Amino acid sequence: MDGFSHVHEGERLNISVFSQGAEIESYVCNECGKVSIFLTSKHYGSDGKETTAVKNRIAEKYVYPLDEPPRKIKYVPAKYMNEYNEASWVKEISPKSCALVCRRILEMILQNECHCTKFNLSQKVEEYINNGSVPNLTEKAMRYIVGAGNAVAHDKKNENDDLIRIKRKDCDKLLEALELVFEHIFVQPKREEQMEKNIQSVTPKK
């Protein structure tokens, strides 16, 4: 609790032109004792010294404490919302991790809530779609989550033979797709159940 900055230099990769690492700075407030952490990318030349030749690519990120409060979506179980919020928080630091967490959430839901038993996630999605009436938009959302998750998990390539990369802006789309899944599997059934109760409350006895 000393109120000073503590700098931890990132590793320097041994390549011929430029190497990228990271510098982590942590600040401990001597008033409240809270920690703040910043992540700064660093670039090094072949001589091992830091260079500003690629200054426009240097990124500074405030990574802790998180300034985004956890979301709650009515009717969605806490265990899935906890994972959802983790995916949302990590997107600034690692879009790949965000995609993998979204993929994991979908698999958990299909296995635990929808009782899909097929071996992998792609098969589980097909099993779920074939077993019931799934809105077209929800089906596409599921396929998008699977595609993004598989791309980063297995180094998939696009039609140009380039590695598929998940960027920060893709994470927002993945989280939106996940919300469509939540809406279909958790929210809509509860709303329909509540509406049925409303109807019953105004239905006269026969």
C-alpha atoms as a PDB file:
ATOM      1  CA  MET A   1       0.000   0.000   0.000  1.00  0.00           C
ATOM      2  CA  ASP A   2       2.776   2.392  -0.881  1.00  0.00           C
ATOM      3  CA  GLY A   3       1.110   4.610  -3.480  1.00  0.00           C
ATOM      4  CA  PHE A   4       3.905   4.050  -6.005  1.00  0.00           C
ATOM      5  CA  SER A   5       3.893   2.726  -9.574  1.00  0.00           C
ATOM      6  CA  HIS A   6       5.259  -0.771 -10.074  1.00  0.00           C
ATOM      7  CA  VAL A   7       6.425  -1.524 -13.639  1.00  0.00           C
ATOM      8  CA  HIS A   8       6.783  -5.054 -14.983  1.00  0.00           C
ATOM      9  CA  GLU A   9       8.406  -5.196 -18.406  1.00  0.00           C
ATOM     10  CA  GLY A  10       7.103  -7.637 -20.970  1.00  0.00           C
ATOM     11  CA  GLU A  11       9.194 -10.229 -22.737  1.00  0.00           C
ATOM     12  CA  ARG A  12      11.143  -9.301 -25.868  1.00  0.00           C
ATOM     13  CA  LEU A  13      10.791 -11.839 -28.642  1.00  0.00           C
ATOM     14  CA  ASN A  14      13.909 -12.788 -30.595  1.00  0.00           C
ATOM     15  CA  ILE A  15      12.987 -11.837 -34.164  1.00  0.00           C
ATOM     16  CA  SER A  16      14.956  -9.866 -36.720  1.00  0.00           C
ATOM     17  CA  VAL A  17      12.983  -6.641 -37.139  1.00  0.00           C
ATOM     18  CA  PHE A  18      10.401  -5.806 -34.505  1.00  0.00           C
ATOM     19  CA  SER A  19       9.284  -7.621 -31.394  1.00  0.00           C
ATOM     20  CA  GLN A  20       6.156  -6.860 -29.420  1.00  0.00           C
ATOM     21  CA  GLY A  21       5.841  -7.210 -25.674  1.00  0.00           C
ATOM     22  CA  ALA A  22       3.862  -5.551 -22.930  1.00  0.00           C
ATOM     23  CA  GLU A  23       4.510  -3.419 -19.903  1.00  0.00           C
ATOM     24  CA  ILE A  24       2.212  -3.711 -16.911  1.00  0.00           C
ATOM     25  CA  GLU A  25       1.933  -0.856 -14.438  1.00  0.00           C
ATOM     26  CA  SER A  26       0.168  -1.285 -11.133  1.00  0.00           C
ATOM     27  CA  TYR A  27      -0.702   1.557  -8.806  1.00  0.00           C
ATOM     28  CA  VAL A  28      -1.654   1.028  -5.171  1.00  0.00           C
ATOM     29  CA  CYS A  29      -3.503   3.956  -3.630  1.00  0.00           C
ATOM     30  CA  ASN A  30      -2.062   4.858  -0.226  1.00  0.00           C
ATOM     31  CA  GLU A  31      -5.422   6.285   0.800  1.00  0.00           C
ATOM     32  CA  CYS A  32      -7.903   3.525  -0.031  1.00  0.00           C
ATOM     33  CA  GLY A  33      -5.531   0.634  -0.746  1.00  0.00           C
ATOM     34  CA  LYS A  34      -7.149  -0.125  -4.116  1.00  0.00           C
ATOM     35  CA  VAL A  35      -5.093  -1.338  -7.069  1.00  0.00           C
ATOM     36  CA  SER A  36      -5.233   0.048 -10.615  1.00  0.00           C
ATOM     37  CA  ILE A  37      -3.536  -1.797 -13.484  1.00  0.00           C
ATOM     38  CA  PHE A  38      -2.561  -0.483 -16.917  1.00  0.00           C
ATOM     39  CA  LEU A  39      -1.300  -2.539 -19.864  1.00  0.00           C
ATOM     40  CA  THR A  40       0.910  -0.877 -22.493  1.00  0.00           C
ATOM     41  CA  SER A  41       2.192  -2.628 -25.595  1.00  0.00           C
ATOM     42  CA  LYS A  42       5.897  -2.184 -26.331  1.00  0.00           C
ATOM     43  CA  HIS A  43       7.934  -2.661 -29.509  1.00  0.00           C
ATOM     44  CA  TYR A  44      11.620  -3.567 -29.672  1.00  0.00           C
ATOM     45  CA  GLY A  45      14.105  -3.459 -32.535  1.00  0.00           C
ATOM     46  CA  SER A  46      16.588  -6.176 -33.486  1.00  0.00           C
ATOM     47  CA  ASP A  47      19.086  -4.583 -31.068  1.00  0.00           C
ATOM     48  CA  GLY A  48      16.752  -5.310 -28.171  1.00  0.00           C
ATOM     49  CA  LYS A  49      16.055  -1.638 -27.490  1.00  0.00           C
ATOM     50  CA  GLU A  50      12.587  -0.139 -27.334  1.00  0.00           C
ATOM     51  CA  THR A  51      11.605   1.641 -30.539  1.00  0.00           C
ATOM     52  CA  THR A  52       8.934   4.212 -31.390  1.00  0.00           C
ATOM     53  CA  ALA A  53       9.042   3.397 -35.119  1.00  0.00           C
ATOM     54  CA  VAL A  54       5.641   1.768 -34.779  1.00  0.00           C
ATOM     55  CA  LYS A  55       4.278   4.256 -32.269  1.00  0.00           C
ATOM     56  CA  ASN A  56       0.869   4.383 -33.925  1.00  0.00           C
ATOM     57  CA  ARG A  57       0.463   0.706 -33.050  1.00  0.00           C
ATOM     58  CA  ILE A  58       1.234   1.146 -29.355  1.00  0.00           C
ATOM     59  CA  ALA A  59      -1.849   0.487 -27.254  1.00  0.00           C
ATOM     60  CA  GLU A  60      -2.535   1.562 -23.696  1.00  0.00           C
ATOM     61  CA  LYS A  61      -5.342  -0.149 -21.847  1.00  0.00           C
ATOM     62  CA  TYR A  62      -6.809   0.314 -18.413  1.00  0.00           C
ATOM     63  CA  VAL A  63      -7.489  -3.271 -17.423  1.00  0.00           C
ATOM     64  CA  TYR A  64      -8.356  -3.198 -13.714  1.00  0.00           C
ATOM     65  CA  PRO A  65     -10.569  -2.452 -11.904  1.00  0.00           C
ATOM     66  CA  LEU A  66     -13.260  -3.106 -14.465  1.00  0.00           C
ATOM     67  CA  ASP A  67     -15.379  -0.050 -15.133  1.00  0.00           C
ATOM     68  CA  GLU A  68     -18.231  -2.006 -16.682  1.00  0.00           C
ATOM     69  CA  PRO A  69     -20.794  -3.232 -14.121  1.00  0.00           C
ATOM     70  CA  PRO A  70     -22.046  -6.802 -14.490  1.00  0.00           C
ATOM     71  CA  ARG A  71     -25.225  -7.158 -16.512  1.00  0.00           C
ATOM     72  CA  LYS A  72     -28.294  -9.007 -15.378  1.00  0.00           C
ATOM     73  CA  ILE A  73     -30.893 -10.244 -17.845  1.00  0.00           C
ATOM     74  CA  LYS A  74     -34.195 -11.234 -16.292  1.00  0.00           C
ATOM     75  CA  TYR A  75     -34.879 -14.986 -16.341  1.00  0.00           C
ATOM     76  CA  VAL A  76     -31.328 -15.900 -17.392  1.00  0.00           C
ATOM     77  CA  PRO A  77     -29.684 -18.093 -14.691  1.00  0.00           C
ATOM     78  CA  ALA A  78     -26.788 -16.483 -12.817  1.00  0.00           C
ATOM     79  CA  LYS A  79     -24.270 -19.136 -13.874  1.00  0.00           C
ATOM     80  CA  TYR A  80     -24.709 -18.143 -17.528  1.00  0.00           C
ATOM     81  CA  MET A  81     -24.757 -14.415 -16.803  1.00  0.00           C
ATOM     82  CA  ASN A  82     -21.501 -14.761 -14.857  1.00  0.00           C
ATOM     83  CA  GLU A  83     -19.899 -16.326 -17.925  1.00  0.00           C
ATOM     84  CA  TYR A  84     -21.486 -13.687 -20.177  1.00  0.00           C
ATOM     85  CA  ASN A  85     -20.042 -10.876 -18.063  1.00  0.00           C
ATOM     86  CA  GLU A  86     -16.638 -12.546 -18.104  1.00  0.00           C
ATOM     87  CA  ALA A  87     -16.760 -12.621 -21.910  1.00  0.00           C
ATOM     88  CA  SER A  88     -17.767  -8.949 -21.943  1.00  0.00           C
ATOM     89  CA  TRP A  89     -14.975  -7.881 -19.595  1.00  0.00           C
ATOM     90  CA  VAL A  90     -12.219  -9.819 -21.360  1.00  0.00           C
ATOM     91  CA  LYS A  91     -13.044  -8.539 -24.870  1.00  0.00           C
ATOM     92  CA  GLU A  92     -10.832  -5.457 -24.440  1.00  0.00           C
ATOM     93  CA  ILE A  93      -7.798  -7.554 -23.551  1.00  0.00           C
ATOM     94  CA  SER A  94      -8.339 -10.737 -25.567  1.00  0.00           C
ATOM     95  CA  PRO A  95     -11.082 -10.950 -28.229  1.00  0.00           C
ATOM     96  CA  LYS A  96     -10.081 -14.598 -28.767  1.00  0.00           C
ATOM     97  CA  SER A  97     -10.884 -15.375 -25.150  1.00  0.00           C
ATOM     98  CA  CYS A  98     -14.237 -13.624 -25.502  1.00  0.00           C
ATOM     99  CA  ALA A  99     -15.119 -15.815 -28.490  1.00  0.00           C
ATOM    100  CA  LEU A 100     -14.124 -18.965 -26.615  1.00  0.00           C
ATOM    101  CA  VAL A 101     -16.192 -18.043 -23.550  1.00  0.00           C
ATOM    102  CA  CYS A 102     -19.235 -17.334 -25.749  1.00  0.00           C
ATOM    103  CA  ARG A 103     -18.755 -20.719 -27.376  1.00  0.00           C
ATOM    104  CA  ARG A 104     -18.517 -22.344 -23.955  1.00  0.00           C
ATOM    105  CA  ILE A 105     -21.740 -20.674 -22.763  1.00  0.00           C
ATOM    106  CA  LEU A 106     -23.656 -21.930 -25.780  1.00  0.00           C
ATOM    107  CA  GLU A 107     -22.383 -25.458 -25.225  1.00  0.00           C
ATOM    108  CA  MET A 108     -23.305 -25.341 -21.533  1.00  0.00           C
ATOM    109  CA  ILE A 109     -26.848 -24.207 -22.356  1.00  0.00           C
ATOM    110  CA  LEU A 110     -27.424 -26.828 -25.032  1.00  0.00           C
ATOM    111  CA  GLN A 111     -26.076 -29.572 -22.810  1.00  0.00           C
ATOM    112  CA  ASN A 112     -27.592 -28.555 -19.468  1.00  0.00           C
ATOM    113  CA  GLU A 113     -30.854 -26.872 -20.436  1.00  0.00           C
ATOM    114  CA  CYS A 114     -31.717 -28.446 -23.772  1.00  0.00           C
ATOM    115  CA  HIS A 115     -30.309 -31.914 -22.995  1.00  0.00           C
ATOM    116  CA  CYS A 116     -28.369 -32.206 -26.238  1.00  0.00           C
ATOM    117  CA  THR A 117     -26.079 -35.231 -26.135  1.00  0.00           C
ATOM    118  CA  LYS A 118     -24.066 -35.101 -29.346  1.00  0.00           C
ATOM    119  CA  PHE A 119     -20.269 -35.109 -29.111  1.00  0.00           C
ATOM    120  CA  ASN A 120     -19.201 -31.606 -30.183  1.00  0.00           C
ATOM    121  CA  LEU A 121     -20.872 -28.198 -30.209  1.00  0.00           C
ATOM    122  CA  SER A 122     -21.615 -28.147 -33.945  1.00  0.00           C
ATOM    123  CA  GLN A 123     -23.441 -31.454 -33.583  1.00  0.00           C
ATOM    124  CA  LYS A 124     -25.285 -30.228 -30.504  1.00  0.00           C
ATOM    125  CA  VAL A 125     -26.531 -27.191 -32.433  1.00  0.00           C
ATOM    126  CA  GLU A 126     -27.793 -29.393 -35.271  1.00  0.00           C
ATOM    127  CA  GLU A 127     -29.440 -31.716 -32.735  1.00  0.00           C
ATOM    128  CA  TYR A 128     -31.228 -28.810 -31.071  1.00  0.00           C
ATOM    129  CA  ILE A 129     -32.377 -27.292 -34.358  1.00  0.00           C
ATOM    130  CA  ASN A 130     -33.683 -30.645 -35.621  1.00  0.00           C
ATOM    131  CA  ASN A 131     -35.573 -31.355 -32.402  1.00  0.00           C
ATOM    132  CA  GLY A 132     -37.767 -28.275 -32.358  1.00  0.00           C
ATOM    133  CA  SER A 133     -38.919 -25.026 -33.822  1.00  0.00           C
ATOM    134  CA  VAL A 134     -36.009 -22.601 -33.712  1.00  0.00           C
ATOM    135  CA  PRO A 135     -36.390 -19.058 -35.115  1.00  0.00           C
ATOM    136  CA  ASN A 136     -34.179 -18.418 -38.090  1.00  0.00           C
ATOM    137  CA  LEU A 137     -32.392 -15.561 -36.324  1.00  0.00           C
ATOM    138  CA  THR A 138     -31.601 -17.725 -33.280  1.00  0.00           C
ATOM    139  CA  GLU A 139     -30.279 -20.494 -35.518  1.00  0.00           C
ATOM    140  CA  LYS A 140     -27.966 -18.038 -37.284  1.00  0.00           C
ATOM    141  CA  ALA A 141     -26.820 -16.644 -33.922  1.00  0.00           C
ATOM    142  CA  MET A 142     -25.873 -20.137 -32.761  1.00  0.00           C
ATOM    143  CA  ARG A 143     -23.974 -20.875 -35.961  1.00  0.00           C
ATOM    144  CA  TYR A 144     -22.125 -17.557 -35.669  1.00  0.00           C
ATOM    145  CA  ILE A 145     -21.006 -18.316 -32.109  1.00  0.00           C
ATOM    146  CA  VAL A 146     -19.877 -21.803 -33.118  1.00  0.00           C
ATOM    147  CA  GLY A 147     -18.019 -20.493 -36.167  1.00  0.00           C
ATOM    148  CA  ALA A 148     -16.168 -17.776 -34.257  1.00  0.00           C
ATOM    149  CA  GLY A 149     -15.288 -20.075 -31.371  1.00  0.00           C
ATOM    150  CA  ASN A 150     -14.050 -22.847 -33.635  1.00  0.00           C
ATOM    151  CA  ALA A 151     -12.044 -20.390 -35.733  1.00  0.00           C
ATOM    152  CA  VAL A 152      -9.906 -19.254 -32.801  1.00  0.00           C
ATOM    153  CA  ALA A 153      -9.801 -22.647 -31.065  1.00  0.00           C
ATOM    154  CA  HIS A 154      -8.580 -24.523 -34.131  1.00  0.00           C
ATOM    155  CA  ASP A 155      -6.801 -21.823 -36.192  1.00  0.00           C
ATOM    156  CA  LYS A 156      -9.347 -21.959 -39.009  1.00  0.00           C
ATOM    157  CA  LYS A 157      -8.639 -20.144 -42.285  1.00  0.00           C
ATOM    158  CA  ASN A 158     -10.951 -18.140 -44.537  1.00  0.00           C
ATOM    159  CA  GLU A 159     -11.472 -18.594 -48.270  1.00  0.00           C
ATOM    160  CA  ASN A 160      -8.303 -16.571 -48.931  1.00  0.00           C
ATOM    161  CA  ASP A 161      -6.304 -19.031 -46.829  1.00  0.00           C
ATOM    162  CA  ASP A 162      -5.747 -16.403 -44.126  1.00  0.00           C
ATOM    163  CA  LEU A 163      -6.232 -17.146 -40.450  1.00  0.00           C
ATOM    164  CA  ILE A 164      -9.641 -15.984 -39.225  1.00  0.00           C
ATOM    165  CA  ARG A 165      -9.046 -13.345 -36.562  1.00  0.00           C
ATOM    166  CA  ILE A 166     -11.575 -12.162 -34.018  1.00  0.00           C
ATOM    167  CA  LYS A 167     -11.384  -8.431 -33.331  1.00  0.00           C
ATOM    168  CA  ARG A 168     -12.827  -6.233 -30.603  1.00  0.00           C
ATOM    169  CA  LYS A 169     -15.812  -5.224 -32.745  1.00  0.00           C
ATOM    170  CA  ASP A 170     -16.599  -8.903 -33.382  1.00  0.00           C
ATOM    171  CA  CYS A 171     -16.978  -9.457 -29.643  1.00  0.00           C
ATOM    172  CA  ASP A 172     -19.967  -7.110 -29.459  1.00  0.00           C
ATOM    173  CA  LYS A 173     -21.615  -9.094 -32.258  1.00  0.00           C
ATOM    174  CA  LEU A 174     -20.915 -12.362 -30.442  1.00  0.00           C
ATOM    175  CA  LEU A 175     -22.424 -11.051 -27.215  1.00  0.00           C
ATOM    176  CA  GLU A 176     -25.454  -9.845 -29.155  1.00  0.00           C
ATOM    177  CA  ALA A 177     -25.799 -13.304 -30.712  1.00  0.00           C
ATOM    178  CA  LEU A 178     -25.616 -14.835 -27.249  1.00  0.00           C
ATOM    179  CA  GLU A 179     -28.403 -12.528 -26.088  1.00  0.00           C
ATOM    180  CA  LEU A 180     -30.587 -13.866 -28.910  1.00  0.00           C
ATOM    181  CA  VAL A 181     -29.976 -17.376 -27.571  1.00  0.00           C
ATOM    182  CA  PHE A 182     -30.879 -16.207 -24.059  1.00  0.00           C
ATOM    183  CA  GLU A 183     -34.045 -14.609 -25.401  1.00  0.00           C
ATOM    184  CA  HIS A 184     -35.205 -17.786 -27.124  1.00  0.00           C
ATOM    185  CA  ILE A 185     -34.285 -20.349 -24.469  1.00  0.00           C
ATOM    186  CA  PHE A 186     -34.872 -18.468 -21.221  1.00  0.00           C
ATOM    187  CA  VAL A 187     -36.754 -15.206 -21.665  1.00  0.00           C
ATOM    188  CA  GLN A 188     -39.512 -16.007 -24.137  1.00  0.00           C
ATOM    189  CA  PRO A 189     -40.705 -19.207 -22.364  1.00  0.00           C
ATOM    190  CA  LYS A 190     -40.961 -17.306 -19.060  1.00  0.00           C
ATOM    191  CA  ARG A 191     -42.838 -14.459 -20.727  1.00  0.00           C
ATOM    192  CA  GLU A 192     -45.235 -16.907 -22.328  1.00  0.00           C
ATOM    193  CA  GLU A 193     -45.739 -18.607 -18.978  1.00  0.00           C
ATOM    194  CA  GLN A 194     -46.479 -15.274 -17.325  1.00  0.00           C
ATOM    195  CA  MET A 195     -48.866 -14.276 -20.103  1.00  0.00           C
ATOM    196  CA  GLU A 196     -50.723 -17.569 -19.701  1.00  0.00           C
ATOM    197  CA  LYS A 197     -51.157 -16.772 -16.011  1.00  0.00           C
ATOM    198  CA  ASN A 198     -52.442 -13.326 -16.938  1.00  0.00           C
ATOM    199  CA  ILE A 199     -55.001 -14.895 -19.255  1.00  0.00           C
ATOM    200  CA  GLN A 200     -56.081 -17.340 -16.564  1.00  0.00           C
ATOM    201  CA  SER A 201     -56.547 -14.500 -14.090  1.00  0.00           C
ATOM    202  CA  VAL A 202     -59.206 -12.857 -16.297  1.00  0.00           C
ATOM    203  CA  THR A 203     -60.874 -16.039 -17.565  1.00  0.00           C
ATOM    204  CA  PRO A 204     -64.291 -16.592 -15.927  1.00  0.00           C
ATOM    205  CA  LYS A 205     -65.201 -19.957 -14.481  1.00  0.00           C
ATOM    206  CA  LYS A 206     -67.235 -22.224 -16.729  1.00  0.00           C
END
